[in-house]
Full PDB file with SEQRES, HELIX, SHEET, SSBOND, CRYST1, ORIGX, SCALE, CONECT and MASTER records, all heavy atoms in Angstrom:
SEQRES   1 A   35  ILE ALA VAL ASP PRO VAL THR GLY LYS GLU ILE TRP ARG          
SEQRES   2 A   35  PHE ASP PRO PHE GLU GLY THR GLU ASP ARG ALA ARG ASP          
SEQRES   3 A   35  VAL ASN ARG GLY VAL ALA TYR TRP GLU                          
SHEET    1 AA1 2 ALA A   2  VAL A   3  0                                        
SHEET    2 AA1 2 GLU A  10  TRP A  12 -1                                        
CRYST1    1.000    1.000    1.000  90.00  90.00  90.00 P 1           1          
ORIGX1      1.000000  0.000000  0.000000        0.00000                         
ORIGX2      0.000000  1.000000  0.000000        0.00000                         
ORIGX3      0.000000  0.000000  1.000000        0.00000                         
SCALE1      1.000000  0.000000  0.000000        0.00000                         
SCALE2      0.000000  1.000000  0.000000        0.00000                         
SCALE3      0.000000  0.000000  1.000000        0.00000                         
ATOM      1  N   ILE A   1       0.216   0.065  -2.239  1.00  0.00           N  
ATOM      2  CA  ILE A   1       1.090   0.013  -3.410  1.00  0.00           C  
ATOM      3  C   ILE A   1       0.270   0.343  -4.654  1.00  0.00           C  
ATOM      4  O   ILE A   1      -0.874  -0.095  -4.796  1.00  0.00           O  
ATOM      5  CB  ILE A   1       1.742  -1.377  -3.559  1.00  0.00           C  
ATOM      6  CG1 ILE A   1       2.607  -1.701  -2.333  1.00  0.00           C  
ATOM      7  CG2 ILE A   1       2.569  -1.471  -4.836  1.00  0.00           C  
ATOM      8  CD1 ILE A   1       3.120  -3.129  -2.296  1.00  0.00           C  
ATOM      9  N   ALA A   2       0.876   1.107  -5.560  1.00  0.00           N  
ATOM     10  CA  ALA A   2       0.293   1.354  -6.877  1.00  0.00           C  
ATOM     11  C   ALA A   2       1.162   0.674  -7.923  1.00  0.00           C  
ATOM     12  O   ALA A   2       2.397   0.763  -7.880  1.00  0.00           O  
ATOM     13  CB  ALA A   2       0.189   2.847  -7.162  1.00  0.00           C  
ATOM     14  N   VAL A   3       0.522  -0.013  -8.858  1.00  0.00           N  
ATOM     15  CA  VAL A   3       1.215  -0.791  -9.890  1.00  0.00           C  
ATOM     16  C   VAL A   3       0.630  -0.439 -11.246  1.00  0.00           C  
ATOM     17  O   VAL A   3      -0.586  -0.212 -11.375  1.00  0.00           O  
ATOM     18  CB  VAL A   3       1.066  -2.308  -9.605  1.00  0.00           C  
ATOM     19  CG1 VAL A   3       1.610  -3.136 -10.750  1.00  0.00           C  
ATOM     20  CG2 VAL A   3       1.754  -2.683  -8.298  1.00  0.00           C  
ATOM     21  N   ASP A   4       1.467  -0.402 -12.252  1.00  0.00           N  
ATOM     22  CA  ASP A   4       0.989  -0.247 -13.628  1.00  0.00           C  
ATOM     23  C   ASP A   4       0.303  -1.549 -14.032  1.00  0.00           C  
ATOM     24  O   ASP A   4       0.959  -2.605 -14.079  1.00  0.00           O  
ATOM     25  CB  ASP A   4       2.162   0.046 -14.557  1.00  0.00           C  
ATOM     26  CG  ASP A   4       1.723   0.344 -15.982  1.00  0.00           C  
ATOM     27  OD1 ASP A   4       0.832  -0.369 -16.503  1.00  0.00           O  
ATOM     28  OD2 ASP A   4       2.270   1.271 -16.597  1.00  0.00           O  
ATOM     29  N   PRO A   5      -0.996  -1.536 -14.351  1.00  0.00           N  
ATOM     30  CA  PRO A   5      -1.699  -2.792 -14.634  1.00  0.00           C  
ATOM     31  C   PRO A   5      -1.309  -3.425 -15.968  1.00  0.00           C  
ATOM     32  O   PRO A   5      -1.624  -4.591 -16.200  1.00  0.00           O  
ATOM     33  CB  PRO A   5      -3.173  -2.376 -14.624  1.00  0.00           C  
ATOM     34  CG  PRO A   5      -3.160  -0.935 -14.989  1.00  0.00           C  
ATOM     35  CD  PRO A   5      -1.902  -0.367 -14.405  1.00  0.00           C  
ATOM     36  N   VAL A   6      -0.637  -2.695 -16.820  1.00  0.00           N  
ATOM     37  CA  VAL A   6      -0.219  -3.242 -18.109  1.00  0.00           C  
ATOM     38  C   VAL A   6       1.127  -3.946 -17.999  1.00  0.00           C  
ATOM     39  O   VAL A   6       1.331  -5.030 -18.554  1.00  0.00           O  
ATOM     40  CB  VAL A   6      -0.151  -2.135 -19.179  1.00  0.00           C  
ATOM     41  CG1 VAL A   6       0.380  -2.694 -20.503  1.00  0.00           C  
ATOM     42  CG2 VAL A   6      -1.523  -1.505 -19.379  1.00  0.00           C  
ATOM     43  N   THR A   7       2.058  -3.358 -17.229  1.00  0.00           N  
ATOM     44  CA  THR A   7       3.417  -3.894 -17.156  1.00  0.00           C  
ATOM     45  C   THR A   7       3.735  -4.571 -15.825  1.00  0.00           C  
ATOM     46  O   THR A   7       4.701  -5.337 -15.741  1.00  0.00           O  
ATOM     47  CB  THR A   7       4.433  -2.756 -17.363  1.00  0.00           C  
ATOM     48  OG1 THR A   7       4.332  -1.832 -16.254  1.00  0.00           O  
ATOM     49  CG2 THR A   7       4.155  -2.015 -18.658  1.00  0.00           C  
ATOM     50  N   GLY A   8       2.964  -4.273 -14.774  1.00  0.00           N  
ATOM     51  CA  GLY A   8       3.273  -4.788 -13.449  1.00  0.00           C  
ATOM     52  C   GLY A   8       4.358  -4.016 -12.730  1.00  0.00           C  
ATOM     53  O   GLY A   8       4.799  -4.403 -11.645  1.00  0.00           O  
ATOM     54  N   LYS A   9       4.808  -2.903 -13.290  1.00  0.00           N  
ATOM     55  CA  LYS A   9       5.852  -2.094 -12.676  1.00  0.00           C  
ATOM     56  C   LYS A   9       5.282  -1.282 -11.516  1.00  0.00           C  
ATOM     57  O   LYS A   9       4.221  -0.670 -11.626  1.00  0.00           O  
ATOM     58  CB  LYS A   9       6.468  -1.159 -13.719  1.00  0.00           C  
ATOM     59  CG  LYS A   9       7.607  -0.302 -13.172  1.00  0.00           C  
ATOM     60  CD  LYS A   9       8.178   0.604 -14.255  1.00  0.00           C  
ATOM     61  CE  LYS A   9       9.301   1.482 -13.700  1.00  0.00           C  
ATOM     62  NZ  LYS A   9       9.849   2.391 -14.741  1.00  0.00           N  
ATOM     63  N   GLU A  10       6.012  -1.283 -10.405  1.00  0.00           N  
ATOM     64  CA  GLU A  10       5.574  -0.513  -9.233  1.00  0.00           C  
ATOM     65  C   GLU A  10       5.663   0.982  -9.513  1.00  0.00           C  
ATOM     66  O   GLU A  10       6.673   1.471 -10.030  1.00  0.00           O  
ATOM     67  CB  GLU A  10       6.427  -0.875  -8.021  1.00  0.00           C  
ATOM     68  CG  GLU A  10       5.986  -0.188  -6.737  1.00  0.00           C  
ATOM     69  CD  GLU A  10       6.794  -0.631  -5.537  1.00  0.00           C  
ATOM     70  OE1 GLU A  10       6.821  -1.853  -5.249  1.00  0.00           O  
ATOM     71  OE2 GLU A  10       7.407   0.249  -4.884  1.00  0.00           O  
ATOM     72  N   ILE A  11       4.601   1.706  -9.156  1.00  0.00           N  
ATOM     73  CA  ILE A  11       4.565   3.162  -9.327  1.00  0.00           C  
ATOM     74  C   ILE A  11       4.958   3.856  -8.032  1.00  0.00           C  
ATOM     75  O   ILE A  11       5.784   4.762  -8.020  1.00  0.00           O  
ATOM     76  CB  ILE A  11       3.158   3.614  -9.780  1.00  0.00           C  
ATOM     77  CG1 ILE A  11       2.775   2.945 -11.102  1.00  0.00           C  
ATOM     78  CG2 ILE A  11       3.099   5.135  -9.904  1.00  0.00           C  
ATOM     79  CD1 ILE A  11       1.321   3.173 -11.518  1.00  0.00           C  
ATOM     80  N   TRP A  12       4.355   3.433  -6.937  1.00  0.00           N  
ATOM     81  CA  TRP A  12       4.740   3.952  -5.621  1.00  0.00           C  
ATOM     82  C   TRP A  12       4.377   2.950  -4.540  1.00  0.00           C  
ATOM     83  O   TRP A  12       3.601   2.027  -4.775  1.00  0.00           O  
ATOM     84  CB  TRP A  12       4.143   5.331  -5.339  1.00  0.00           C  
ATOM     85  CG  TRP A  12       2.641   5.494  -5.441  1.00  0.00           C  
ATOM     86  CD1 TRP A  12       1.960   6.135  -6.438  1.00  0.00           C  
ATOM     87  CD2 TRP A  12       1.635   5.056  -4.493  1.00  0.00           C  
ATOM     88  NE1 TRP A  12       0.601   6.113  -6.186  1.00  0.00           N  
ATOM     89  CE2 TRP A  12       0.371   5.466  -4.988  1.00  0.00           C  
ATOM     90  CE3 TRP A  12       1.675   4.359  -3.291  1.00  0.00           C  
ATOM     91  CZ2 TRP A  12      -0.832   5.186  -4.334  1.00  0.00           C  
ATOM     92  CZ3 TRP A  12       0.480   4.081  -2.621  1.00  0.00           C  
ATOM     93  CH2 TRP A  12      -0.746   4.500  -3.147  1.00  0.00           C  
ATOM     94  N   ARG A  13       4.942   3.158  -3.359  1.00  0.00           N  
ATOM     95  CA  ARG A  13       4.704   2.301  -2.211  1.00  0.00           C  
ATOM     96  C   ARG A  13       4.676   3.171  -0.972  1.00  0.00           C  
ATOM     97  O   ARG A  13       5.515   4.049  -0.787  1.00  0.00           O  
ATOM     98  CB  ARG A  13       5.818   1.246  -2.102  1.00  0.00           C  
ATOM     99  CG  ARG A  13       5.768   0.388  -0.845  1.00  0.00           C  
ATOM    100  CD  ARG A  13       6.952  -0.566  -0.816  1.00  0.00           C  
ATOM    101  NE  ARG A  13       6.854  -1.567  -1.876  1.00  0.00           N  
ATOM    102  CZ  ARG A  13       6.997  -2.871  -1.681  1.00  0.00           C  
ATOM    103  NH1 ARG A  13       7.224  -3.340  -0.456  1.00  0.00           N  
ATOM    104  NH2 ARG A  13       6.907  -3.708  -2.681  1.00  0.00           N  
ATOM    105  N   PHE A  14       3.685   2.909  -0.094  1.00  0.00           N  
ATOM    106  CA  PHE A  14       3.554   3.671   1.155  1.00  0.00           C  
ATOM    107  C   PHE A  14       3.562   2.708   2.333  1.00  0.00           C  
ATOM    108  O   PHE A  14       2.792   1.744   2.365  1.00  0.00           O  
ATOM    109  CB  PHE A  14       2.248   4.480   1.164  1.00  0.00           C  
ATOM    110  CG  PHE A  14       1.921   5.083   2.499  1.00  0.00           C  
ATOM    111  CD1 PHE A  14       2.590   6.211   2.945  1.00  0.00           C  
ATOM    112  CD2 PHE A  14       0.956   4.504   3.323  1.00  0.00           C  
ATOM    113  CE1 PHE A  14       2.297   6.762   4.191  1.00  0.00           C  
ATOM    114  CE2 PHE A  14       0.658   5.049   4.567  1.00  0.00           C  
ATOM    115  CZ  PHE A  14       1.333   6.184   5.005  1.00  0.00           C  
ATOM    116  N   ASP A  15       4.448   2.976   3.309  1.00  0.00           N  
ATOM    117  CA  ASP A  15       4.554   2.150   4.505  1.00  0.00           C  
ATOM    118  C   ASP A  15       3.978   2.921   5.689  1.00  0.00           C  
ATOM    119  O   ASP A  15       4.588   3.890   6.158  1.00  0.00           O  
ATOM    120  CB  ASP A  15       6.010   1.794   4.779  1.00  0.00           C  
ATOM    121  CG  ASP A  15       6.185   0.865   5.979  1.00  0.00           C  
ATOM    122  OD1 ASP A  15       5.177   0.571   6.657  1.00  0.00           O  
ATOM    123  OD2 ASP A  15       7.334   0.456   6.246  1.00  0.00           O  
ATOM    124  N   PRO A  16       2.807   2.517   6.206  1.00  0.00           N  
ATOM    125  CA  PRO A  16       2.190   3.275   7.294  1.00  0.00           C  
ATOM    126  C   PRO A  16       2.948   3.177   8.613  1.00  0.00           C  
ATOM    127  O   PRO A  16       2.731   3.993   9.513  1.00  0.00           O  
ATOM    128  CB  PRO A  16       0.806   2.634   7.418  1.00  0.00           C  
ATOM    129  CG  PRO A  16       0.999   1.241   6.936  1.00  0.00           C  
ATOM    130  CD  PRO A  16       2.016   1.343   5.833  1.00  0.00           C  
ATOM    131  N   PHE A  17       3.821   2.190   8.747  1.00  0.00           N  
ATOM    132  CA  PHE A  17       4.500   1.965  10.027  1.00  0.00           C  
ATOM    133  C   PHE A  17       5.938   2.477  10.035  1.00  0.00           C  
ATOM    134  O   PHE A  17       6.640   2.331  11.031  1.00  0.00           O  
ATOM    135  CB  PHE A  17       4.468   0.474  10.359  1.00  0.00           C  
ATOM    136  CG  PHE A  17       3.090  -0.118  10.304  1.00  0.00           C  
ATOM    137  CD1 PHE A  17       2.769  -1.049   9.339  1.00  0.00           C  
ATOM    138  CD2 PHE A  17       2.102   0.291  11.188  1.00  0.00           C  
ATOM    139  CE1 PHE A  17       1.491  -1.585   9.272  1.00  0.00           C  
ATOM    140  CE2 PHE A  17       0.828  -0.236  11.122  1.00  0.00           C  
ATOM    141  CZ  PHE A  17       0.517  -1.175  10.164  1.00  0.00           C  
ATOM    142  N   GLU A  18       6.373   3.065   8.944  1.00  0.00           N  
ATOM    143  CA  GLU A  18       7.735   3.578   8.873  1.00  0.00           C  
ATOM    144  C   GLU A  18       7.954   4.666   9.925  1.00  0.00           C  
ATOM    145  O   GLU A  18       7.180   5.621  10.029  1.00  0.00           O  
ATOM    146  CB  GLU A  18       8.022   4.141   7.480  1.00  0.00           C  
ATOM    147  CG  GLU A  18       9.450   4.593   7.283  1.00  0.00           C  
ATOM    148  CD  GLU A  18       9.719   5.067   5.871  1.00  0.00           C  
ATOM    149  OE1 GLU A  18       8.757   5.099   5.063  1.00  0.00           O  
ATOM    150  OE2 GLU A  18      10.863   5.400   5.571  1.00  0.00           O  
ATOM    151  N   GLY A  19       8.999   4.496  10.733  1.00  0.00           N  
ATOM    152  CA  GLY A  19       9.316   5.488  11.741  1.00  0.00           C  
ATOM    153  C   GLY A  19       8.458   5.433  12.985  1.00  0.00           C  
ATOM    154  O   GLY A  19       8.516   6.340  13.822  1.00  0.00           O  
ATOM    155  N   THR A  20       7.629   4.372  13.141  1.00  0.00           N  
ATOM    156  CA  THR A  20       6.773   4.240  14.312  1.00  0.00           C  
ATOM    157  C   THR A  20       7.067   2.925  15.020  1.00  0.00           C  
ATOM    158  O   THR A  20       7.753   2.056  14.493  1.00  0.00           O  
ATOM    159  CB  THR A  20       5.284   4.281  13.932  1.00  0.00           C  
ATOM    160  OG1 THR A  20       4.921   3.029  13.303  1.00  0.00           O  
ATOM    161  CG2 THR A  20       4.987   5.425  12.988  1.00  0.00           C  
ATOM    162  N   GLU A  21       6.532   2.802  16.231  1.00  0.00           N  
ATOM    163  CA  GLU A  21       6.668   1.555  16.971  1.00  0.00           C  
ATOM    164  C   GLU A  21       5.518   0.601  16.681  1.00  0.00           C  
ATOM    165  O   GLU A  21       5.516  -0.540  17.154  1.00  0.00           O  
ATOM    166  CB  GLU A  21       6.734   1.845  18.476  1.00  0.00           C  
ATOM    167  CG  GLU A  21       7.983   2.634  18.888  1.00  0.00           C  
ATOM    168  CD  GLU A  21       8.047   2.866  20.380  1.00  0.00           C  
ATOM    169  OE1 GLU A  21       7.087   2.466  21.076  1.00  0.00           O  
ATOM    170  OE2 GLU A  21       9.034   3.452  20.848  1.00  0.00           O  
ATOM    171  N   ASP A  22       4.532   1.063  15.926  1.00  0.00           N  
ATOM    172  CA  ASP A  22       3.406   0.205  15.562  1.00  0.00           C  
ATOM    173  C   ASP A  22       3.876  -0.795  14.509  1.00  0.00           C  
ATOM    174  O   ASP A  22       4.915  -0.625  13.872  1.00  0.00           O  
ATOM    175  CB  ASP A  22       2.244   1.051  15.022  1.00  0.00           C  
ATOM    176  CG  ASP A  22       0.910   0.350  15.163  1.00  0.00           C  
ATOM    177  OD1 ASP A  22       0.894  -0.810  15.615  1.00  0.00           O  
ATOM    178  OD2 ASP A  22      -0.118   0.954  14.817  1.00  0.00           O  
ATOM    179  N   ARG A  23       3.091  -1.828  14.315  1.00  0.00           N  
ATOM    180  CA  ARG A  23       3.474  -2.839  13.341  1.00  0.00           C  
ATOM    181  C   ARG A  23       2.224  -3.433  12.713  1.00  0.00           C  
ATOM    182  O   ARG A  23       1.113  -3.246  13.193  1.00  0.00           O  
ATOM    183  CB  ARG A  23       4.301  -3.943  13.997  1.00  0.00           C  
ATOM    184  CG  ARG A  23       3.596  -4.683  15.111  1.00  0.00           C  
ATOM    185  CD  ARG A  23       4.520  -5.667  15.800  1.00  0.00           C  
ATOM    186  NE  ARG A  23       3.868  -6.344  16.911  1.00  0.00           N  
ATOM    187  CZ  ARG A  23       3.130  -7.436  16.795  1.00  0.00           C  
ATOM    188  NH1 ARG A  23       2.936  -7.980  15.608  1.00  0.00           N  
ATOM    189  NH2 ARG A  23       2.582  -8.003  17.847  1.00  0.00           N  
ATOM    190  N   ALA A  24       2.439  -4.152  11.635  1.00  0.00           N  
ATOM    191  CA  ALA A  24       1.321  -4.752  10.915  1.00  0.00           C  
ATOM    192  C   ALA A  24       0.703  -5.873  11.733  1.00  0.00           C  
ATOM    193  O   ALA A  24       1.397  -6.718  12.298  1.00  0.00           O  
ATOM    194  CB  ALA A  24       1.801  -5.286   9.565  1.00  0.00           C  
ATOM    195  N   ARG A  25      -0.620  -5.857  11.813  1.00  0.00           N  
ATOM    196  CA  ARG A  25      -1.366  -6.928  12.467  1.00  0.00           C  
ATOM    197  C   ARG A  25      -2.509  -7.336  11.538  1.00  0.00           C  
ATOM    198  O   ARG A  25      -3.014  -6.538  10.779  1.00  0.00           O  
ATOM    199  CB  ARG A  25      -1.933  -6.467  13.814  1.00  0.00           C  
ATOM    200  CG  ARG A  25      -0.870  -6.155  14.868  1.00  0.00           C  
ATOM    201  CD  ARG A  25      -1.548  -5.694  16.165  1.00  0.00           C  
ATOM    202  NE  ARG A  25      -0.587  -5.479  17.244  1.00  0.00           N  
ATOM    203  CZ  ARG A  25       0.061  -4.349  17.453  1.00  0.00           C  
ATOM    204  NH1 ARG A  25      -0.133  -3.332  16.637  1.00  0.00           N  
ATOM    205  NH2 ARG A  25       0.906  -4.230  18.452  1.00  0.00           N  
ATOM    206  N   ASP A  26      -2.909  -8.589  11.650  1.00  0.00           N  
ATOM    207  CA  ASP A  26      -4.053  -9.096  10.900  1.00  0.00           C  
ATOM    208  C   ASP A  26      -3.838  -8.962   9.397  1.00  0.00           C  
ATOM    209  O   ASP A  26      -2.719  -9.057   8.919  1.00  0.00           O  
ATOM    210  CB  ASP A  26      -5.343  -8.393  11.355  1.00  0.00           C  
ATOM    211  CG  ASP A  26      -5.588  -8.588  12.833  1.00  0.00           C  
ATOM    212  OD1 ASP A  26      -5.607  -9.744  13.280  1.00  0.00           O  
ATOM    213  OD2 ASP A  26      -5.747  -7.589  13.550  1.00  0.00           O  
ATOM    214  N   VAL A  27      -4.907  -8.701   8.653  1.00  0.00           N  
ATOM    215  CA  VAL A  27      -4.829  -8.647   7.201  1.00  0.00           C  
ATOM    216  C   VAL A  27      -5.511  -7.374   6.715  1.00  0.00           C  
ATOM    217  O   VAL A  27      -6.154  -6.657   7.479  1.00  0.00           O  
ATOM    218  CB  VAL A  27      -5.512  -9.871   6.552  1.00  0.00           C  
ATOM    219  CG1 VAL A  27      -4.810 -11.157   6.953  1.00  0.00           C  
ATOM    220  CG2 VAL A  27      -6.991  -9.945   6.944  1.00  0.00           C  
ATOM    221  N   ASN A  28      -5.369  -7.109   5.433  1.00  0.00           N  
ATOM    222  CA  ASN A  28      -6.060  -5.980   4.822  1.00  0.00           C  
ATOM    223  C   ASN A  28      -6.602  -6.428   3.474  1.00  0.00           C  
ATOM    224  O   ASN A  28      -5.887  -7.090   2.706  1.00  0.00           O  
ATOM    225  CB  ASN A  28      -5.117  -4.795   4.647  1.00  0.00           C  
ATOM    226  CG  ASN A  28      -5.816  -3.598   4.042  1.00  0.00           C  
ATOM    227  OD1 ASN A  28      -6.049  -3.548   2.834  1.00  0.00           O  
ATOM    228  ND2 ASN A  28      -6.159  -2.630   4.871  1.00  0.00           N  
ATOM    229  N   ARG A  29      -7.849  -6.084   3.188  1.00  0.00           N  
ATOM    230  CA  ARG A  29      -8.491  -6.597   1.978  1.00  0.00           C  
ATOM    231  C   ARG A  29      -8.692  -5.544   0.905  1.00  0.00           C  
ATOM    232  O   ARG A  29      -9.481  -5.733  -0.006  1.00  0.00           O  
ATOM    233  CB  ARG A  29      -9.810  -7.283   2.367  1.00  0.00           C  
ATOM    234  CG  ARG A  29      -9.523  -8.486   3.265  1.00  0.00           C  
ATOM    235  CD  ARG A  29     -10.720  -9.326   3.593  1.00  0.00           C  
ATOM    236  NE  ARG A  29     -10.286 -10.472   4.386  1.00  0.00           N  
ATOM    237  CZ  ARG A  29     -10.726 -10.775   5.594  1.00  0.00           C  
ATOM    238  NH1 ARG A  29     -11.661 -10.036   6.169  1.00  0.00           N  
ATOM    239  NH2 ARG A  29     -10.261 -11.817   6.242  1.00  0.00           N  
ATOM    240  N   GLY A  30      -7.981  -4.410   1.025  1.00  0.00           N  
ATOM    241  CA  GLY A  30      -8.020  -3.458  -0.058  1.00  0.00           C  
ATOM    242  C   GLY A  30      -8.177  -2.023   0.378  1.00  0.00           C  
ATOM    243  O   GLY A  30      -8.220  -1.702   1.568  1.00  0.00           O  
ATOM    244  N   VAL A  31      -8.272  -1.158  -0.609  1.00  0.00           N  
ATOM    245  CA  VAL A  31      -8.325   0.284  -0.378  1.00  0.00           C  
ATOM    246  C   VAL A  31      -9.582   0.864  -1.010  1.00  0.00           C  
ATOM    247  O   VAL A  31     -10.265   0.210  -1.814  1.00  0.00           O  
ATOM    248  CB  VAL A  31      -7.077   0.982  -0.959  1.00  0.00           C  
ATOM    249  CG1 VAL A  31      -5.805   0.409  -0.344  1.00  0.00           C  
ATOM    250  CG2 VAL A  31      -7.031   0.845  -2.491  1.00  0.00           C  
ATOM    251  N   ALA A  32      -9.879   2.108  -0.646  1.00  0.00           N  
ATOM    252  CA  ALA A  32     -11.002   2.849  -1.234  1.00  0.00           C  
ATOM    253  C   ALA A  32     -10.453   4.045  -2.001  1.00  0.00           C  
ATOM    254  O   ALA A  32      -9.378   4.566  -1.692  1.00  0.00           O  
ATOM    255  CB  ALA A  32     -11.975   3.299  -0.146  1.00  0.00           C  
ATOM    256  N   TYR A  33     -11.222   4.480  -2.990  1.00  0.00           N  
ATOM    257  CA  TYR A  33     -10.802   5.584  -3.858  1.00  0.00           C  
ATOM    258  C   TYR A  33     -11.842   6.681  -3.839  1.00  0.00           C  
ATOM    259  O   TYR A  33     -13.052   6.413  -3.833  1.00  0.00           O  
ATOM    260  CB  TYR A  33     -10.620   5.065  -5.285  1.00  0.00           C  
ATOM    261  CG  TYR A  33     -10.310   6.128  -6.322  1.00  0.00           C  
ATOM    262  CD1 TYR A  33      -9.006   6.571  -6.518  1.00  0.00           C  
ATOM    263  CD2 TYR A  33     -11.324   6.669  -7.112  1.00  0.00           C  
ATOM    264  CE1 TYR A  33      -8.716   7.530  -7.483  1.00  0.00           C  
ATOM    265  CE2 TYR A  33     -11.043   7.626  -8.074  1.00  0.00           C  
ATOM    266  CZ  TYR A  33      -9.744   8.065  -8.261  1.00  0.00           C  
ATOM    267  OH  TYR A  33      -9.459   9.009  -9.208  1.00  0.00           O  
ATOM    268  N   TRP A  34     -11.371   7.944  -3.829  1.00  0.00           N  
ATOM    269  CA  TRP A  34     -12.265   9.107  -3.899  1.00  0.00           C  
ATOM    270  C   TRP A  34     -11.653  10.130  -4.838  1.00  0.00           C  
ATOM    271  O   TRP A  34     -10.421  10.290  -4.888  1.00  0.00           O  
ATOM    272  CB  TRP A  34     -12.451   9.734  -2.522  1.00  0.00           C  
ATOM    273  CG  TRP A  34     -13.222  11.032  -2.539  1.00  0.00           C  
ATOM    274  CD1 TRP A  34     -14.567  11.184  -2.470  1.00  0.00           C  
ATOM    275  CD2 TRP A  34     -12.674  12.348  -2.655  1.00  0.00           C  
ATOM    276  NE1 TRP A  34     -14.906  12.522  -2.527  1.00  0.00           N  
ATOM    277  CE2 TRP A  34     -13.753  13.258  -2.640  1.00  0.00           C  
ATOM    278  CE3 TRP A  34     -11.376  12.848  -2.765  1.00  0.00           C  
ATOM    279  CZ2 TRP A  34     -13.581  14.637  -2.735  1.00  0.00           C  
ATOM    280  CZ3 TRP A  34     -11.187  14.235  -2.871  1.00  0.00           C  
ATOM    281  CH2 TRP A  34     -12.273  15.103  -2.845  1.00  0.00           C  
ATOM    282  N   GLU A  35     -12.510  10.813  -5.587  1.00  0.00           N  
ATOM    283  CA  GLU A  35     -12.074  11.925  -6.415  1.00  0.00           C  
ATOM    284  C   GLU A  35     -13.094  13.035  -6.363  1.00  0.00           C  
ATOM    285  O   GLU A  35     -14.291  12.791  -6.152  1.00  0.00           O  
ATOM    286  CB  GLU A  35     -11.857  11.478  -7.872  1.00  0.00           C  
ATOM    287  CG  GLU A  35     -13.116  10.986  -8.556  1.00  0.00           C  
ATOM    288  CD  GLU A  35     -12.858  10.419  -9.948  1.00  0.00           C  
ATOM    289  OE1 GLU A  35     -11.693  10.087 -10.248  1.00  0.00           O  
ATOM    290  OE2 GLU A  35     -13.826  10.304 -10.728  1.00  0.00           O  
TER     291      GLU A  35                                                      
MASTER        0    0    0    0    2    0    0    6  290    1    0    3          
END                                                                             
């Protein structure tokens, strides 16, 4: 999920399991960024 840090408004959301038989397991502690 991307959020505006000033307002808290959601910018976008990505669901990795949409349309698949896989499902969320365990936890996730964050993402990495590259440019």
